[in-house]
Amino acid sequence: MLYRNLISLIEPEYQIYLAIKDSIYENFFQRESIQAIVKINQLLLLVVEMEKEKILQWID
């Protein structure tokens, strides 16, 4: 959160995405409580298939 706030002051046009492994997204970020925290904190997520170094989803 500190990094995101600092970047918003220095480069307000930038958007910071949290990159997460696809299995972590499926097993952790799908929980209702985690979804609520993501929404409250307005987190932007980037879901990545690490083995192929491939972006699967951009979630705003």
PDB file of N, CA and C in Angstrom:
ATOM      1  N   MET A   1       0.823  -1.185   0.000  1.00  0.00           N
ATOM      2  CA  MET A   1       0.000   0.000   0.000  1.00  0.00           C
ATOM      3  C   MET A   1       0.870   1.251   0.000  1.00  0.00           C
ATOM      4  N   LEU A   2       1.945   1.226   0.746  1.00  0.00           N
ATOM      5  CA  LEU A   2       2.847   2.368   0.809  1.00  0.00           C
ATOM      6  C   LEU A   2       3.437   2.657  -0.565  1.00  0.00           C
ATOM      7  N   TYR A   3       3.892   1.612  -1.237  1.00  0.00           N
ATOM      8  CA  TYR A   3       4.476   1.773  -2.571  1.00  0.00           C
ATOM      9  C   TYR A   3       3.448   2.355  -3.541  1.00  0.00           C
ATOM     10  N   ARG A   4       2.234   1.833  -3.520  1.00  0.00           N
ATOM     11  CA  ARG A   4       1.186   2.321  -4.417  1.00  0.00           C
ATOM     12  C   ARG A   4       0.888   3.795  -4.147  1.00  0.00           C
ATOM     13  N   ASN A   5       0.826   4.182  -2.882  1.00  0.00           N
ATOM     14  CA  ASN A   5       0.559   5.579  -2.542  1.00  0.00           C
ATOM     15  C   ASN A   5       1.703   6.491  -2.967  1.00  0.00           C
ATOM     16  N   LEU A   6       2.924   6.033  -2.785  1.00  0.00           N
ATOM     17  CA  LEU A   6       4.084   6.816  -3.204  1.00  0.00           C
ATOM     18  C   LEU A   6       4.087   7.022  -4.715  1.00  0.00           C
ATOM     19  N   ILE A   7       3.845   5.967  -5.459  1.00  0.00           N
ATOM     20  CA  ILE A   7       3.807   6.071  -6.920  1.00  0.00           C
ATOM     21  C   ILE A   7       2.686   7.006  -7.365  1.00  0.00           C
ATOM     22  N   SER A   8       1.547   6.955  -6.703  1.00  0.00           N
ATOM     23  CA  SER A   8       0.434   7.831  -7.090  1.00  0.00           C
ATOM     24  C   SER A   8       0.768   9.304  -6.874  1.00  0.00           C
ATOM     25  N   LEU A   9       1.644   9.595  -5.927  1.00  0.00           N
ATOM     26  CA  LEU A   9       2.083  10.975  -5.717  1.00  0.00           C
ATOM     27  C   LEU A   9       3.100  11.411  -6.769  1.00  0.00           C
ATOM     28  N   ILE A  10       4.013  10.503  -7.106  1.00  0.00           N
ATOM     29  CA  ILE A  10       5.098  10.838  -8.029  1.00  0.00           C
ATOM     30  C   ILE A  10       4.663  10.735  -9.487  1.00  0.00           C
ATOM     31  N   GLU A  11       3.957   9.669  -9.816  1.00  0.00           N
ATOM     32  CA  GLU A  11       3.517   9.397 -11.188  1.00  0.00           C
ATOM     33  C   GLU A  11       2.026   9.064 -11.169  1.00  0.00           C
ATOM     34  N   PRO A  12       1.162  10.069 -11.061  1.00  0.00           N
ATOM     35  CA  PRO A  12      -0.266   9.805 -10.867  1.00  0.00           C
ATOM     36  C   PRO A  12      -0.938   9.044 -12.012  1.00  0.00           C
ATOM     37  N   GLU A  13      -0.342   9.039 -13.191  1.00  0.00           N
ATOM     38  CA  GLU A  13      -0.958   8.324 -14.314  1.00  0.00           C
ATOM     39  C   GLU A  13      -0.643   6.824 -14.309  1.00  0.00           C
ATOM     40  N   TYR A  14       0.282   6.395 -13.466  1.00  0.00           N
ATOM     41  CA  TYR A  14       0.652   4.977 -13.377  1.00  0.00           C
ATOM     42  C   TYR A  14      -0.407   4.202 -12.598  1.00  0.00           C
ATOM     43  N   GLN A  15      -0.572   2.938 -12.968  1.00  0.00           N
ATOM     44  CA  GLN A  15      -1.416   2.023 -12.208  1.00  0.00           C
ATOM     45  C   GLN A  15      -0.536   0.872 -11.746  1.00  0.00           C
ATOM     46  N   ILE A  16      -0.640   0.506 -10.496  1.00  0.00           N
ATOM     47  CA  ILE A  16       0.162  -0.567  -9.922  1.00  0.00           C
ATOM     48  C   ILE A  16      -0.689  -1.834  -9.836  1.00  0.00           C
ATOM     49  N   TYR A  17      -0.191  -2.893 -10.455  1.00  0.00           N
ATOM     50  CA  TYR A  17      -0.856  -4.193 -10.414  1.00  0.00           C
ATOM     51  C   TYR A  17      -0.071  -5.139  -9.523  1.00  0.00           C
ATOM     52  N   LEU A  18      -0.783  -5.954  -8.780  1.00  0.00           N
ATOM     53  CA  LEU A  18      -0.182  -7.002  -7.974  1.00  0.00           C
ATOM     54  C   LEU A  18      -0.172  -8.271  -8.819  1.00  0.00           C
ATOM     55  N   ALA A  19       1.018  -8.736  -9.195  1.00  0.00           N
ATOM     56  CA  ALA A  19       1.139  -9.956  -9.995  1.00  0.00           C
ATOM     57  C   ALA A  19       1.077 -11.169  -9.077  1.00  0.00           C
ATOM     58  N   ILE A  20       0.215 -12.112  -9.445  1.00  0.00           N
ATOM     59  CA  ILE A  20       0.073 -13.324  -8.641  1.00  0.00           C
ATOM     60  C   ILE A  20       0.029 -14.549  -9.550  1.00  0.00           C
ATOM     61  N   LYS A  21       0.580 -15.626  -9.039  1.00  0.00           N
ATOM     62  CA  LYS A  21       0.585 -16.900  -9.750  1.00  0.00           C
ATOM     63  C   LYS A  21      -0.849 -17.411  -9.900  1.00  0.00           C
ATOM     64  N   ASP A  22      -1.151 -18.024 -11.024  1.00  0.00           N
ATOM     65  CA  ASP A  22      -2.507 -18.481 -11.301  1.00  0.00           C
ATOM     66  C   ASP A  22      -3.051 -19.435 -10.235  1.00  0.00           C
ATOM     67  N   SER A  23      -2.224 -20.332  -9.728  1.00  0.00           N
ATOM     68  CA  SER A  23      -2.702 -21.267  -8.696  1.00  0.00           C
ATOM     69  C   SER A  23      -3.031 -20.541  -7.389  1.00  0.00           C
ATOM     70  N   ILE A  24      -2.283 -19.494  -7.076  1.00  0.00           N
ATOM     71  CA  ILE A  24      -2.577 -18.684  -5.880  1.00  0.00           C
ATOM     72  C   ILE A  24      -3.903 -17.949  -6.077  1.00  0.00           C
ATOM     73  N   TYR A  25      -4.115 -17.440  -7.274  1.00  0.00           N
ATOM     74  CA  TYR A  25      -5.379 -16.760  -7.566  1.00  0.00           C
ATOM     75  C   TYR A  25      -6.554 -17.721  -7.384  1.00  0.00           C
ATOM     76  N   GLU A  26      -6.410 -18.924  -7.934  1.00  0.00           N
ATOM     77  CA  GLU A  26      -7.496 -19.906  -7.872  1.00  0.00           C
ATOM     78  C   GLU A  26      -7.745 -20.413  -6.451  1.00  0.00           C
ATOM     79  N   ASN A  27      -6.686 -20.622  -5.683  1.00  0.00           N
ATOM     80  CA  ASN A  27      -6.828 -21.235  -4.360  1.00  0.00           C
ATOM     81  C   ASN A  27      -6.979 -20.247  -3.209  1.00  0.00           C
ATOM     82  N   PHE A  28      -6.559 -19.015  -3.397  1.00  0.00           N
ATOM     83  CA  PHE A  28      -6.585 -18.041  -2.303  1.00  0.00           C
ATOM     84  C   PHE A  28      -7.465 -16.836  -2.626  1.00  0.00           C
ATOM     85  N   PHE A  29      -7.268 -16.243  -3.779  1.00  0.00           N
ATOM     86  CA  PHE A  29      -7.961 -15.001  -4.109  1.00  0.00           C
ATOM     87  C   PHE A  29      -9.429 -15.200  -4.463  1.00  0.00           C
ATOM     88  N   GLN A  30      -9.882 -16.430  -4.590  1.00  0.00           N
ATOM     89  CA  GLN A  30     -11.295 -16.691  -4.854  1.00  0.00           C
ATOM     90  C   GLN A  30     -12.123 -16.757  -3.574  1.00  0.00           C
ATOM     91  N   ARG A  31     -11.466 -16.753  -2.437  1.00  0.00           N
ATOM     92  CA  ARG A  31     -12.189 -16.766  -1.160  1.00  0.00           C
ATOM     93  C   ARG A  31     -12.977 -15.468  -1.010  1.00  0.00           C
ATOM     94  N   GLU A  32     -14.163 -15.592  -0.471  1.00  0.00           N
ATOM     95  CA  GLU A  32     -15.043 -14.429  -0.317  1.00  0.00           C
ATOM     96  C   GLU A  32     -14.386 -13.325   0.511  1.00  0.00           C
ATOM     97  N   SER A  33     -13.720 -13.707   1.591  1.00  0.00           N
ATOM     98  CA  SER A  33     -13.080 -12.713   2.457  1.00  0.00           C
ATOM     99  C   SER A  33     -11.946 -11.987   1.727  1.00  0.00           C
ATOM    100  N   ILE A  34     -11.184 -12.710   0.935  1.00  0.00           N
ATOM    101  CA  ILE A  34     -10.081 -12.100   0.189  1.00  0.00           C
ATOM    102  C   ILE A  34     -10.628 -11.201  -0.913  1.00  0.00           C
ATOM    103  N   GLN A  35     -11.701 -11.637  -1.566  1.00  0.00           N
ATOM    104  CA  GLN A  35     -12.345 -10.803  -2.587  1.00  0.00           C
ATOM    105  C   GLN A  35     -12.796  -9.476  -1.975  1.00  0.00           C
ATOM    106  N   ALA A  36     -13.328  -9.524  -0.758  1.00  0.00           N
ATOM    107  CA  ALA A  36     -13.767  -8.303  -0.080  1.00  0.00           C
ATOM    108  C   ALA A  36     -12.582  -7.386   0.200  1.00  0.00           C
ATOM    109  N   ILE A  37     -11.475  -7.950   0.650  1.00  0.00           N
ATOM    110  CA  ILE A  37     -10.279  -7.147   0.935  1.00  0.00           C
ATOM    111  C   ILE A  37      -9.723  -6.526  -0.339  1.00  0.00           C
ATOM    112  N   VAL A  38      -9.701  -7.295  -1.416  1.00  0.00           N
ATOM    113  CA  VAL A  38      -9.241  -6.775  -2.712  1.00  0.00           C
ATOM    114  C   VAL A  38     -10.112  -5.596  -3.135  1.00  0.00           C
ATOM    115  N   LYS A  39     -11.412  -5.744  -2.971  1.00  0.00           N
ATOM    116  CA  LYS A  39     -12.340  -4.675  -3.353  1.00  0.00           C
ATOM    117  C   LYS A  39     -12.165  -3.440  -2.468  1.00  0.00           C
ATOM    118  N   ILE A  40     -12.084  -3.631  -1.157  1.00  0.00           N
ATOM    119  CA  ILE A  40     -11.922  -2.516  -0.221  1.00  0.00           C
ATOM    120  C   ILE A  40     -10.663  -1.715  -0.536  1.00  0.00           C
ATOM    121  N   ASN A  41      -9.582  -2.432  -0.842  1.00  0.00           N
ATOM    122  CA  ASN A  41      -8.296  -1.781  -1.107  1.00  0.00           C
ATOM    123  C   ASN A  41      -8.087  -1.430  -2.572  1.00  0.00           C
ATOM    124  N   GLN A  42      -9.092  -1.703  -3.390  1.00  0.00           N
ATOM    125  CA  GLN A  42      -9.055  -1.383  -4.818  1.00  0.00           C
ATOM    126  C   GLN A  42      -7.768  -1.896  -5.474  1.00  0.00           C
ATOM    127  N   LEU A  43      -7.454  -3.168  -5.189  1.00  0.00           N
ATOM    128  CA  LEU A  43      -6.246  -3.766  -5.748  1.00  0.00           C
ATOM    129  C   LEU A  43      -6.468  -4.147  -7.204  1.00  0.00           C
ATOM    130  N   LEU A  44      -5.470  -3.894  -8.007  1.00  0.00           N
ATOM    131  CA  LEU A  44      -5.464  -4.321  -9.399  1.00  0.00           C
ATOM    132  C   LEU A  44      -4.600  -5.574  -9.470  1.00  0.00           C
ATOM    133  N   LEU A  45      -5.134  -6.628 -10.077  1.00  0.00           N
ATOM    134  CA  LEU A  45      -4.438  -7.908 -10.086  1.00  0.00           C
ATOM    135  C   LEU A  45      -4.012  -8.300 -11.495  1.00  0.00           C
ATOM    136  N   LEU A  46      -2.888  -8.963 -11.553  1.00  0.00           N
ATOM    137  CA  LEU A  46      -2.354  -9.513 -12.793  1.00  0.00           C
ATOM    138  C   LEU A  46      -2.108 -10.993 -12.523  1.00  0.00           C
ATOM    139  N   VAL A  47      -2.897 -11.859 -13.144  1.00  0.00           N
ATOM    140  CA  VAL A  47      -2.774 -13.298 -12.914  1.00  0.00           C
ATOM    141  C   VAL A  47      -1.837 -13.865 -13.977  1.00  0.00           C
ATOM    142  N   VAL A  48      -0.793 -14.564 -13.517  1.00  0.00           N
ATOM    143  CA  VAL A  48       0.275 -15.013 -14.410  1.00  0.00           C
ATOM    144  C   VAL A  48       0.457 -16.523 -14.317  1.00  0.00           C
ATOM    145  N   GLU A  49       0.622 -17.159 -15.473  1.00  0.00           N
ATOM    146  CA  GLU A  49       1.038 -18.560 -15.530  1.00  0.00           C
ATOM    147  C   GLU A  49       2.560 -18.543 -15.554  1.00  0.00           C
ATOM    148  N   MET A  50       3.155 -18.831 -14.420  1.00  0.00           N
ATOM    149  CA  MET A  50       4.598 -18.648 -14.237  1.00  0.00           C
ATOM    150  C   MET A  50       5.440 -19.535 -15.150  1.00  0.00           C
ATOM    151  N   GLU A  51       5.024 -20.773 -15.343  1.00  0.00           N
ATOM    152  CA  GLU A  51       5.819 -21.701 -16.140  1.00  0.00           C
ATOM    153  C   GLU A  51       5.991 -21.212 -17.579  1.00  0.00           C
ATOM    154  N   LYS A  52       4.938 -20.617 -18.121  1.00  0.00           N
ATOM    155  CA  LYS A  52       4.979 -20.123 -19.504  1.00  0.00           C
ATOM    156  C   LYS A  52       5.246 -18.621 -19.573  1.00  0.00           C
ATOM    157  N   GLU A  53       5.357 -17.995 -18.409  1.00  0.00           N
ATOM    158  CA  GLU A  53       5.528 -16.540 -18.321  1.00  0.00           C
ATOM    159  C   GLU A  53       4.460 -15.828 -19.156  1.00  0.00           C
ATOM    160  N   LYS A  54       3.218 -16.242 -18.928  1.00  0.00           N
ATOM    161  CA  LYS A  54       2.086 -15.752 -19.712  1.00  0.00           C
ATOM    162  C   LYS A  54       1.064 -15.080 -18.802  1.00  0.00           C
ATOM    163  N   ILE A  55       0.624 -13.900 -19.199  1.00  0.00           N
ATOM    164  CA  ILE A  55      -0.425 -13.195 -18.459  1.00  0.00           C
ATOM    165  C   ILE A  55      -1.766 -13.816 -18.829  1.00  0.00           C
ATOM    166  N   LEU A  56      -2.501 -14.249 -17.821  1.00  0.00           N
ATOM    167  CA  LEU A  56      -3.803 -14.866 -18.046  1.00  0.00           C
ATOM    168  C   LEU A  56      -4.954 -13.881 -17.879  1.00  0.00           C
ATOM    169  N   GLN A  57      -4.829 -12.974 -16.901  1.00  0.00           N
ATOM    170  CA  GLN A  57      -5.909 -12.021 -16.624  1.00  0.00           C
ATOM    171  C   GLN A  57      -5.363 -10.709 -16.090  1.00  0.00           C
ATOM    172  N   TRP A  58      -5.967  -9.626 -16.553  1.00  0.00           N
ATOM    173  CA  TRP A  58      -5.791  -8.306 -15.935  1.00  0.00           C
ATOM    174  C   TRP A  58      -7.107  -8.038 -15.219  1.00  0.00           C
ATOM    175  N   ILE A  59      -7.066  -7.836 -13.915  1.00  0.00           N
ATOM    176  CA  ILE A  59      -8.298  -7.628 -13.153  1.00  0.00           C
ATOM    177  C   ILE A  59      -8.264  -6.239 -12.530  1.00  0.00           C
ATOM    178  N   ASP A  60      -9.203  -5.402 -12.976  1.00  0.00           N
ATOM    179  CA  ASP A  60      -9.294  -4.025 -12.466  1.00  0.00           C
ATOM    180  C   ASP A  60     -10.323  -3.940 -11.370  1.00  0.00           C
TER     181      ASP A  60
END
